[in-house]
Amino acid sequence: REKCALTFARYIACTTLKRRLEAWCVSRLDPRTADRLLKDVALSAKRKALRHGRMGAARRMCLTEMRSKALGYGANLIVEELCLTYVYLRDRRRDKDALIKLKRASSTAFLGFAASFSLSCLGSGLGTLAKPGWGTVVGGAAGDLA
């Protein structure tokens, strides 16, 4: 039950932080940059396919997916690092290797997020090649899970 509550709290923290980052982008960045970070990738893939064909759209969707997922992945990584830091601060007095564990867990989390982010962008491009729109979403999700 405690693990379920922790997972729920982590989910709420990630979502809240992502929404706060989105609000910051809208209020502080120029509209073109904010639009790139908050783009709906399925609709963008359909528009790109009409303008550039499927192959051109697939190439362009990798970068579009990267921009649109940056805030979500950034928020998740920040929350993960905060949780790891909390565990380190809690355990540092009784565990001499707490700092080493923090470094290892932090680098593992970063590499995992980087791999997931990259594969999601690649999957989005491949999904767009198959079927712009829902294929983009499915490809991005499949890459994200890999």
N, C-alpha and C. Protein backbone atom coordinates (compact mmCIF):
# COMPACT_ATOMS: atom_id res chain seq x y z
N ARG A 1 0.82 -1.19 0.00
CA ARG A 1 0.00 0.00 0.00
C ARG A 1 0.86 1.25 0.00
N GLU A 2 1.95 1.21 0.74
CA GLU A 2 2.85 2.36 0.79
C GLU A 2 3.51 2.60 -0.57
N LYS A 3 3.86 1.52 -1.24
CA LYS A 3 4.47 1.63 -2.56
C LYS A 3 3.49 2.24 -3.57
N CYS A 4 2.23 1.85 -3.46
CA CYS A 4 1.19 2.41 -4.33
C CYS A 4 1.04 3.91 -4.09
N ALA A 5 1.04 4.31 -2.84
CA ALA A 5 0.93 5.73 -2.51
C ALA A 5 2.14 6.51 -3.02
N LEU A 6 3.32 5.93 -2.90
CA LEU A 6 4.53 6.58 -3.40
C LEU A 6 4.50 6.73 -4.91
N THR A 7 4.06 5.69 -5.60
CA THR A 7 3.94 5.75 -7.06
C THR A 7 2.93 6.81 -7.48
N PHE A 8 1.82 6.88 -6.77
CA PHE A 8 0.80 7.89 -7.06
C PHE A 8 1.35 9.29 -6.82
N ALA A 9 2.06 9.48 -5.73
CA ALA A 9 2.65 10.79 -5.42
C ALA A 9 3.69 11.18 -6.47
N ARG A 10 4.47 10.23 -6.92
CA ARG A 10 5.47 10.49 -7.96
C ARG A 10 4.79 10.90 -9.27
N TYR A 11 3.70 10.21 -9.61
CA TYR A 11 2.94 10.53 -10.82
C TYR A 11 2.37 11.95 -10.74
N ILE A 12 1.79 12.28 -9.60
CA ILE A 12 1.23 13.63 -9.41
C ILE A 12 2.33 14.67 -9.49
N ALA A 13 3.48 14.40 -8.90
CA ALA A 13 4.60 15.35 -8.94
C ALA A 13 5.10 15.56 -10.36
N CYS A 14 5.23 14.47 -11.12
CA CYS A 14 5.68 14.59 -12.52
C CYS A 14 4.69 15.39 -13.36
N THR A 15 3.41 15.08 -13.21
CA THR A 15 2.39 15.79 -13.98
C THR A 15 2.34 17.26 -13.61
N THR A 16 2.39 17.55 -12.31
CA THR A 16 2.35 18.94 -11.86
C THR A 16 3.56 19.72 -12.36
N LEU A 17 4.73 19.13 -12.25
CA LEU A 17 5.94 19.80 -12.72
C LEU A 17 5.89 20.03 -14.23
N LYS A 18 5.40 19.04 -14.97
CA LYS A 18 5.29 19.21 -16.43
C LYS A 18 4.35 20.36 -16.76
N ARG A 19 3.21 20.43 -16.09
CA ARG A 19 2.25 21.53 -16.35
C ARG A 19 2.84 22.88 -15.96
N ARG A 20 3.61 22.92 -14.88
CA ARG A 20 4.26 24.18 -14.48
C ARG A 20 5.31 24.59 -15.52
N LEU A 21 6.06 23.63 -16.04
CA LEU A 21 7.04 23.93 -17.09
C LEU A 21 6.35 24.41 -18.36
N GLU A 22 5.22 23.81 -18.70
CA GLU A 22 4.45 24.26 -19.86
C GLU A 22 3.96 25.69 -19.67
N ALA A 23 3.44 25.99 -18.49
CA ALA A 23 2.98 27.35 -18.20
C ALA A 23 4.13 28.34 -18.27
N TRP A 24 5.28 27.94 -17.77
CA TRP A 24 6.46 28.81 -17.84
C TRP A 24 6.84 29.07 -19.29
N CYS A 25 6.81 28.04 -20.12
CA CYS A 25 7.16 28.19 -21.54
C CYS A 25 6.22 29.17 -22.24
N VAL A 26 4.94 29.03 -21.96
CA VAL A 26 3.95 29.91 -22.60
C VAL A 26 4.14 31.36 -22.16
N SER A 27 4.47 31.56 -20.89
CA SER A 27 4.58 32.93 -20.38
C SER A 27 5.93 33.57 -20.65
N ARG A 28 7.01 32.79 -20.77
CA ARG A 28 8.35 33.36 -20.86
C ARG A 28 9.02 33.26 -22.23
N LEU A 29 8.65 32.27 -23.01
CA LEU A 29 9.31 32.06 -24.29
C LEU A 29 8.50 32.70 -25.42
N ASP A 30 9.16 32.92 -26.55
CA ASP A 30 8.42 33.46 -27.68
C ASP A 30 7.43 32.40 -28.17
N PRO A 31 6.34 32.81 -28.79
CA PRO A 31 5.28 31.86 -29.16
C PRO A 31 5.75 30.72 -30.06
N ARG A 32 6.68 30.98 -30.96
CA ARG A 32 7.15 29.92 -31.86
C ARG A 32 7.87 28.81 -31.09
N THR A 33 8.73 29.20 -30.15
CA THR A 33 9.45 28.20 -29.36
C THR A 33 8.49 27.44 -28.45
N ALA A 34 7.57 28.15 -27.81
CA ALA A 34 6.59 27.50 -26.94
C ALA A 34 5.73 26.52 -27.72
N ASP A 35 5.34 26.91 -28.93
CA ASP A 35 4.53 26.03 -29.77
C ASP A 35 5.30 24.75 -30.13
N ARG A 36 6.58 24.88 -30.39
CA ARG A 36 7.39 23.70 -30.72
C ARG A 36 7.49 22.74 -29.54
N LEU A 37 7.54 23.28 -28.33
CA LEU A 37 7.66 22.43 -27.15
C LEU A 37 6.34 21.80 -26.73
N LEU A 38 5.22 22.36 -27.19
CA LEU A 38 3.90 21.89 -26.77
C LEU A 38 3.09 21.31 -27.92
N LYS A 39 3.73 20.93 -28.99
CA LYS A 39 3.05 20.51 -30.22
C LYS A 39 2.36 19.15 -30.07
N ASP A 40 1.21 19.03 -30.73
CA ASP A 40 0.51 17.76 -30.84
C ASP A 40 1.15 16.99 -31.99
N VAL A 41 1.87 15.90 -31.67
CA VAL A 41 2.66 15.22 -32.69
C VAL A 41 1.80 14.49 -33.73
N ALA A 42 0.64 14.00 -33.35
CA ALA A 42 -0.20 13.28 -34.31
C ALA A 42 -0.68 14.22 -35.42
N LEU A 43 -1.19 15.38 -35.04
CA LEU A 43 -1.64 16.35 -36.05
C LEU A 43 -0.47 16.88 -36.86
N SER A 44 0.65 17.10 -36.21
CA SER A 44 1.83 17.58 -36.91
C SER A 44 2.30 16.56 -37.95
N ALA A 45 2.24 15.28 -37.62
CA ALA A 45 2.65 14.24 -38.57
C ALA A 45 1.74 14.22 -39.79
N LYS A 46 0.45 14.40 -39.57
CA LYS A 46 -0.48 14.43 -40.70
C LYS A 46 -0.20 15.63 -41.61
N ARG A 47 0.03 16.79 -41.01
CA ARG A 47 0.32 17.98 -41.81
C ARG A 47 1.63 17.82 -42.58
N LYS A 48 2.64 17.30 -41.89
CA LYS A 48 3.94 17.10 -42.55
C LYS A 48 3.84 16.09 -43.69
N ALA A 49 3.05 15.04 -43.51
CA ALA A 49 2.89 14.03 -44.56
C ALA A 49 2.23 14.63 -45.80
N LEU A 50 1.27 15.53 -45.60
CA LEU A 50 0.64 16.18 -46.74
C LEU A 50 1.61 17.10 -47.48
N ARG A 51 2.45 17.79 -46.74
CA ARG A 51 3.41 18.74 -47.35
C ARG A 51 4.62 18.06 -47.94
N HIS A 52 5.19 17.07 -47.23
CA HIS A 52 6.50 16.54 -47.60
C HIS A 52 6.48 15.06 -48.01
N GLY A 53 5.35 14.41 -47.96
CA GLY A 53 5.30 12.97 -48.21
C GLY A 53 5.69 12.21 -46.96
N ARG A 54 5.48 10.90 -46.98
CA ARG A 54 5.73 10.12 -45.77
C ARG A 54 7.19 10.09 -45.36
N MET A 55 8.09 9.94 -46.32
CA MET A 55 9.51 9.86 -45.99
C MET A 55 10.00 11.18 -45.41
N GLY A 56 9.63 12.29 -46.02
CA GLY A 56 10.03 13.60 -45.51
C GLY A 56 9.42 13.87 -44.14
N ALA A 57 8.17 13.45 -43.97
CA ALA A 57 7.51 13.64 -42.68
C ALA A 57 8.17 12.81 -41.59
N ALA A 58 8.55 11.57 -41.94
CA ALA A 58 9.19 10.70 -40.95
C ALA A 58 10.49 11.30 -40.46
N ARG A 59 11.30 11.83 -41.37
CA ARG A 59 12.56 12.46 -40.96
C ARG A 59 12.31 13.66 -40.06
N ARG A 60 11.36 14.48 -40.44
CA ARG A 60 11.08 15.69 -39.66
C ARG A 60 10.43 15.39 -38.32
N MET A 61 9.68 14.29 -38.24
CA MET A 61 8.97 13.96 -37.00
C MET A 61 9.91 13.54 -35.88
N CYS A 62 11.08 13.06 -36.21
CA CYS A 62 12.04 12.71 -35.14
C CYS A 62 12.38 13.95 -34.33
N LEU A 63 12.68 15.05 -35.00
CA LEU A 63 13.01 16.30 -34.30
C LEU A 63 11.78 16.89 -33.61
N THR A 64 10.64 16.81 -34.28
CA THR A 64 9.41 17.34 -33.68
C THR A 64 9.07 16.58 -32.40
N GLU A 65 9.19 15.26 -32.45
CA GLU A 65 8.92 14.44 -31.26
C GLU A 65 9.90 14.78 -30.14
N MET A 66 11.15 15.00 -30.51
CA MET A 66 12.16 15.33 -29.51
C MET A 66 11.79 16.62 -28.78
N ARG A 67 11.39 17.61 -29.53
CA ARG A 67 11.01 18.89 -28.91
C ARG A 67 9.77 18.74 -28.05
N SER A 68 8.76 18.02 -28.57
CA SER A 68 7.49 17.95 -27.85
C SER A 68 7.58 17.08 -26.59
N LYS A 69 8.52 16.17 -26.54
CA LYS A 69 8.66 15.30 -25.36
C LYS A 69 9.68 15.83 -24.35
N ALA A 70 10.39 16.89 -24.69
CA ALA A 70 11.47 17.38 -23.83
C ALA A 70 10.96 17.77 -22.44
N LEU A 71 9.85 18.47 -22.38
CA LEU A 71 9.34 18.92 -21.07
C LEU A 71 8.90 17.74 -20.20
N GLY A 72 8.21 16.78 -20.80
CA GLY A 72 7.76 15.62 -20.03
C GLY A 72 8.91 14.79 -19.50
N TYR A 73 9.89 14.52 -20.36
CA TYR A 73 11.05 13.76 -19.91
C TYR A 73 11.86 14.55 -18.89
N GLY A 74 11.98 15.85 -19.11
CA GLY A 74 12.70 16.68 -18.14
C GLY A 74 12.04 16.65 -16.78
N ALA A 75 10.71 16.77 -16.75
CA ALA A 75 9.97 16.73 -15.48
C ALA A 75 10.14 15.38 -14.79
N ASN A 76 10.04 14.31 -15.55
CA ASN A 76 10.22 12.97 -14.97
C ASN A 76 11.62 12.78 -14.41
N LEU A 77 12.62 13.26 -15.13
CA LEU A 77 14.00 13.13 -14.67
C LEU A 77 14.24 13.95 -13.40
N ILE A 78 13.69 15.15 -13.34
CA ILE A 78 13.85 15.99 -12.14
C ILE A 78 13.21 15.32 -10.93
N VAL A 79 12.01 14.80 -11.08
CA VAL A 79 11.33 14.13 -9.97
C VAL A 79 12.11 12.88 -9.54
N GLU A 80 12.61 12.13 -10.50
CA GLU A 80 13.40 10.93 -10.18
C GLU A 80 14.65 11.30 -9.40
N GLU A 81 15.33 12.35 -9.84
CA GLU A 81 16.55 12.79 -9.13
C GLU A 81 16.22 13.30 -7.72
N LEU A 82 15.10 13.97 -7.57
CA LEU A 82 14.70 14.43 -6.23
C LEU A 82 14.42 13.24 -5.31
N CYS A 83 13.77 12.22 -5.84
CA CYS A 83 13.51 11.01 -5.03
C CYS A 83 14.81 10.32 -4.64
N LEU A 84 15.74 10.22 -5.58
CA LEU A 84 17.03 9.60 -5.27
C LEU A 84 17.80 10.42 -4.24
N THR A 85 17.73 11.73 -4.36
CA THR A 85 18.41 12.60 -3.39
C THR A 85 17.78 12.45 -2.00
N TYR A 86 16.46 12.33 -1.95
CA TYR A 86 15.79 12.12 -0.67
C TYR A 86 16.26 10.81 -0.01
N VAL A 87 16.35 9.75 -0.80
CA VAL A 87 16.80 8.47 -0.26
C VAL A 87 18.23 8.59 0.25
N TYR A 88 19.07 9.31 -0.48
CA TYR A 88 20.45 9.52 -0.04
C TYR A 88 20.49 10.28 1.28
N LEU A 89 19.74 11.38 1.37
CA LEU A 89 19.74 12.18 2.60
C LEU A 89 19.20 11.39 3.79
N ARG A 90 18.24 10.52 3.52
CA ARG A 90 17.67 9.71 4.59
C ARG A 90 18.65 8.64 5.08
N ASP A 91 19.41 8.05 4.16
CA ASP A 91 20.25 6.90 4.49
C ASP A 91 21.72 7.23 4.71
N ARG A 92 22.14 8.45 4.52
CA ARG A 92 23.58 8.75 4.52
C ARG A 92 24.26 8.51 5.86
N ARG A 93 23.57 8.63 6.97
CA ARG A 93 24.20 8.46 8.29
C ARG A 93 24.46 6.99 8.62
N ARG A 94 23.55 6.11 8.21
CA ARG A 94 23.71 4.70 8.57
C ARG A 94 24.33 3.86 7.46
N ASP A 95 24.45 4.43 6.25
CA ASP A 95 25.01 3.67 5.13
C ASP A 95 26.20 4.44 4.57
N LYS A 96 27.39 3.87 4.72
CA LYS A 96 28.61 4.55 4.25
C LYS A 96 28.67 4.65 2.74
N ASP A 97 28.02 3.73 2.06
CA ASP A 97 28.05 3.70 0.60
C ASP A 97 26.87 4.44 -0.03
N ALA A 98 26.19 5.27 0.74
CA ALA A 98 25.00 5.95 0.23
C ALA A 98 25.32 6.86 -0.95
N LEU A 99 26.45 7.55 -0.88
CA LEU A 99 26.83 8.46 -1.97
C LEU A 99 27.13 7.68 -3.25
N ILE A 100 27.81 6.56 -3.11
CA ILE A 100 28.11 5.73 -4.28
C ILE A 100 26.81 5.19 -4.88
N LYS A 101 25.89 4.78 -4.02
CA LYS A 101 24.59 4.29 -4.50
C LYS A 101 23.82 5.40 -5.21
N LEU A 102 23.88 6.63 -4.67
CA LEU A 102 23.21 7.76 -5.30
C LEU A 102 23.79 8.02 -6.69
N LYS A 103 25.12 8.03 -6.78
CA LYS A 103 25.76 8.27 -8.09
C LYS A 103 25.39 7.19 -9.09
N ARG A 104 25.42 5.94 -8.65
CA ARG A 104 25.09 4.83 -9.54
C ARG A 104 23.63 4.90 -9.99
N ALA A 105 22.73 5.13 -9.04
CA ALA A 105 21.31 5.20 -9.37
C ALA A 105 21.01 6.41 -10.26
N SER A 106 21.67 7.51 -9.99
CA SER A 106 21.46 8.72 -10.77
C SER A 106 21.94 8.54 -12.21
N SER A 107 23.11 7.96 -12.37
CA SER A 107 23.63 7.75 -13.73
C SER A 107 22.79 6.71 -14.48
N THR A 108 22.33 5.69 -13.78
CA THR A 108 21.47 4.69 -14.40
C THR A 108 20.15 5.32 -14.84
N ALA A 109 19.57 6.16 -13.99
CA ALA A 109 18.33 6.84 -14.34
C ALA A 109 18.53 7.74 -15.55
N PHE A 110 19.63 8.49 -15.57
CA PHE A 110 19.89 9.40 -16.68
C PHE A 110 20.06 8.63 -17.99
N LEU A 111 20.82 7.54 -17.95
CA LEU A 111 21.02 6.74 -19.16
C LEU A 111 19.70 6.11 -19.62
N GLY A 112 18.90 5.67 -18.68
CA GLY A 112 17.60 5.10 -19.03
C GLY A 112 16.68 6.12 -19.68
N PHE A 113 16.64 7.33 -19.11
CA PHE A 113 15.82 8.38 -19.69
C PHE A 113 16.33 8.77 -21.06
N ALA A 114 17.65 8.87 -21.23
CA ALA A 114 18.23 9.24 -22.53
C ALA A 114 17.91 8.18 -23.58
N ALA A 115 18.03 6.92 -23.23
CA ALA A 115 17.72 5.84 -24.17
C ALA A 115 16.24 5.85 -24.53
N SER A 116 15.39 6.00 -23.54
CA SER A 116 13.95 6.02 -23.78
C SER A 116 13.55 7.21 -24.65
N PHE A 117 14.14 8.36 -24.37
CA PHE A 117 13.88 9.58 -25.14
C PHE A 117 14.29 9.39 -26.59
N SER A 118 15.48 8.85 -26.80
CA SER A 118 15.99 8.65 -28.16
C SER A 118 15.15 7.63 -28.93
N LEU A 119 14.83 6.52 -28.29
CA LEU A 119 14.04 5.49 -28.96
C LEU A 119 12.62 5.96 -29.23
N SER A 120 12.09 6.80 -28.36
CA SER A 120 10.76 7.36 -28.59
C SER A 120 10.76 8.24 -29.84
N CYS A 121 11.79 9.04 -30.00
CA CYS A 121 11.88 9.91 -31.18
C CYS A 121 12.05 9.08 -32.45
N LEU A 122 12.88 8.05 -32.38
CA LEU A 122 13.06 7.16 -33.52
C LEU A 122 11.77 6.41 -33.85
N GLY A 123 11.10 5.93 -32.82
CA GLY A 123 9.82 5.22 -33.02
C GLY A 123 8.76 6.12 -33.62
N SER A 124 8.77 7.38 -33.25
CA SER A 124 7.82 8.33 -33.82
C SER A 124 8.06 8.50 -35.31
N GLY A 125 9.32 8.58 -35.70
CA GLY A 125 9.64 8.70 -37.12
C GLY A 125 9.22 7.46 -37.89
N LEU A 126 9.50 6.28 -37.33
CA LEU A 126 9.12 5.03 -38.00
C LEU A 126 7.60 4.87 -38.05
N GLY A 127 6.92 5.27 -36.99
CA GLY A 127 5.46 5.21 -36.98
C GLY A 127 4.84 6.15 -38.01
N THR A 128 5.46 7.32 -38.19
CA THR A 128 4.99 8.25 -39.20
C THR A 128 5.17 7.67 -40.59
N LEU A 129 6.27 6.96 -40.79
CA LEU A 129 6.52 6.32 -42.08
C LEU A 129 5.42 5.29 -42.38
N ALA A 130 4.98 4.57 -41.36
CA ALA A 130 3.94 3.57 -41.55
C ALA A 130 2.56 4.21 -41.74
N LYS A 131 2.17 5.11 -40.84
CA LYS A 131 0.85 5.74 -40.89
C LYS A 131 0.90 7.06 -40.13
N PRO A 132 1.02 8.17 -40.83
CA PRO A 132 1.06 9.47 -40.14
C PRO A 132 -0.19 9.67 -39.28
N GLY A 133 0.00 10.17 -38.10
CA GLY A 133 -1.11 10.37 -37.16
C GLY A 133 -1.03 9.36 -36.04
N TRP A 134 -1.91 8.35 -36.09
CA TRP A 134 -1.91 7.37 -35.00
C TRP A 134 -0.65 6.52 -35.03
N GLY A 135 -0.08 6.29 -36.20
CA GLY A 135 1.18 5.54 -36.28
C GLY A 135 2.31 6.26 -35.58
N THR A 136 2.27 7.59 -35.65
CA THR A 136 3.27 8.41 -34.96
C THR A 136 3.18 8.21 -33.46
N VAL A 137 1.97 8.23 -32.94
CA VAL A 137 1.75 8.06 -31.51
C VAL A 137 2.13 6.66 -31.05
N VAL A 138 1.73 5.65 -31.81
CA VAL A 138 2.04 4.27 -31.46
C VAL A 138 3.54 4.02 -31.54
N GLY A 139 4.18 4.54 -32.58
CA GLY A 139 5.64 4.38 -32.72
C GLY A 139 6.39 5.06 -31.60
N GLY A 140 5.95 6.26 -31.22
CA GLY A 140 6.58 6.96 -30.10
C GLY A 140 6.41 6.23 -28.79
N ALA A 141 5.21 5.67 -28.58
CA ALA A 141 4.95 4.93 -27.34
C ALA A 141 5.75 3.63 -27.32
N ALA A 142 5.84 2.96 -28.46
CA ALA A 142 6.60 1.71 -28.52
C ALA A 142 8.08 1.98 -28.28
N GLY A 143 8.59 3.05 -28.85
CA GLY A 143 9.98 3.41 -28.60
C GLY A 143 10.21 3.80 -27.16
N ASP A 144 9.24 4.43 -26.56
CA ASP A 144 9.33 4.84 -25.17
C ASP A 144 9.40 3.62 -24.24
N LEU A 145 8.68 2.58 -24.57
CA LEU A 145 8.65 1.38 -23.74
C LEU A 145 9.87 0.49 -23.93
N ALA A 146 10.53 0.64 -25.07
CA ALA A 146 11.68 -0.25 -25.38
C ALA A 146 12.84 -0.02 -24.44
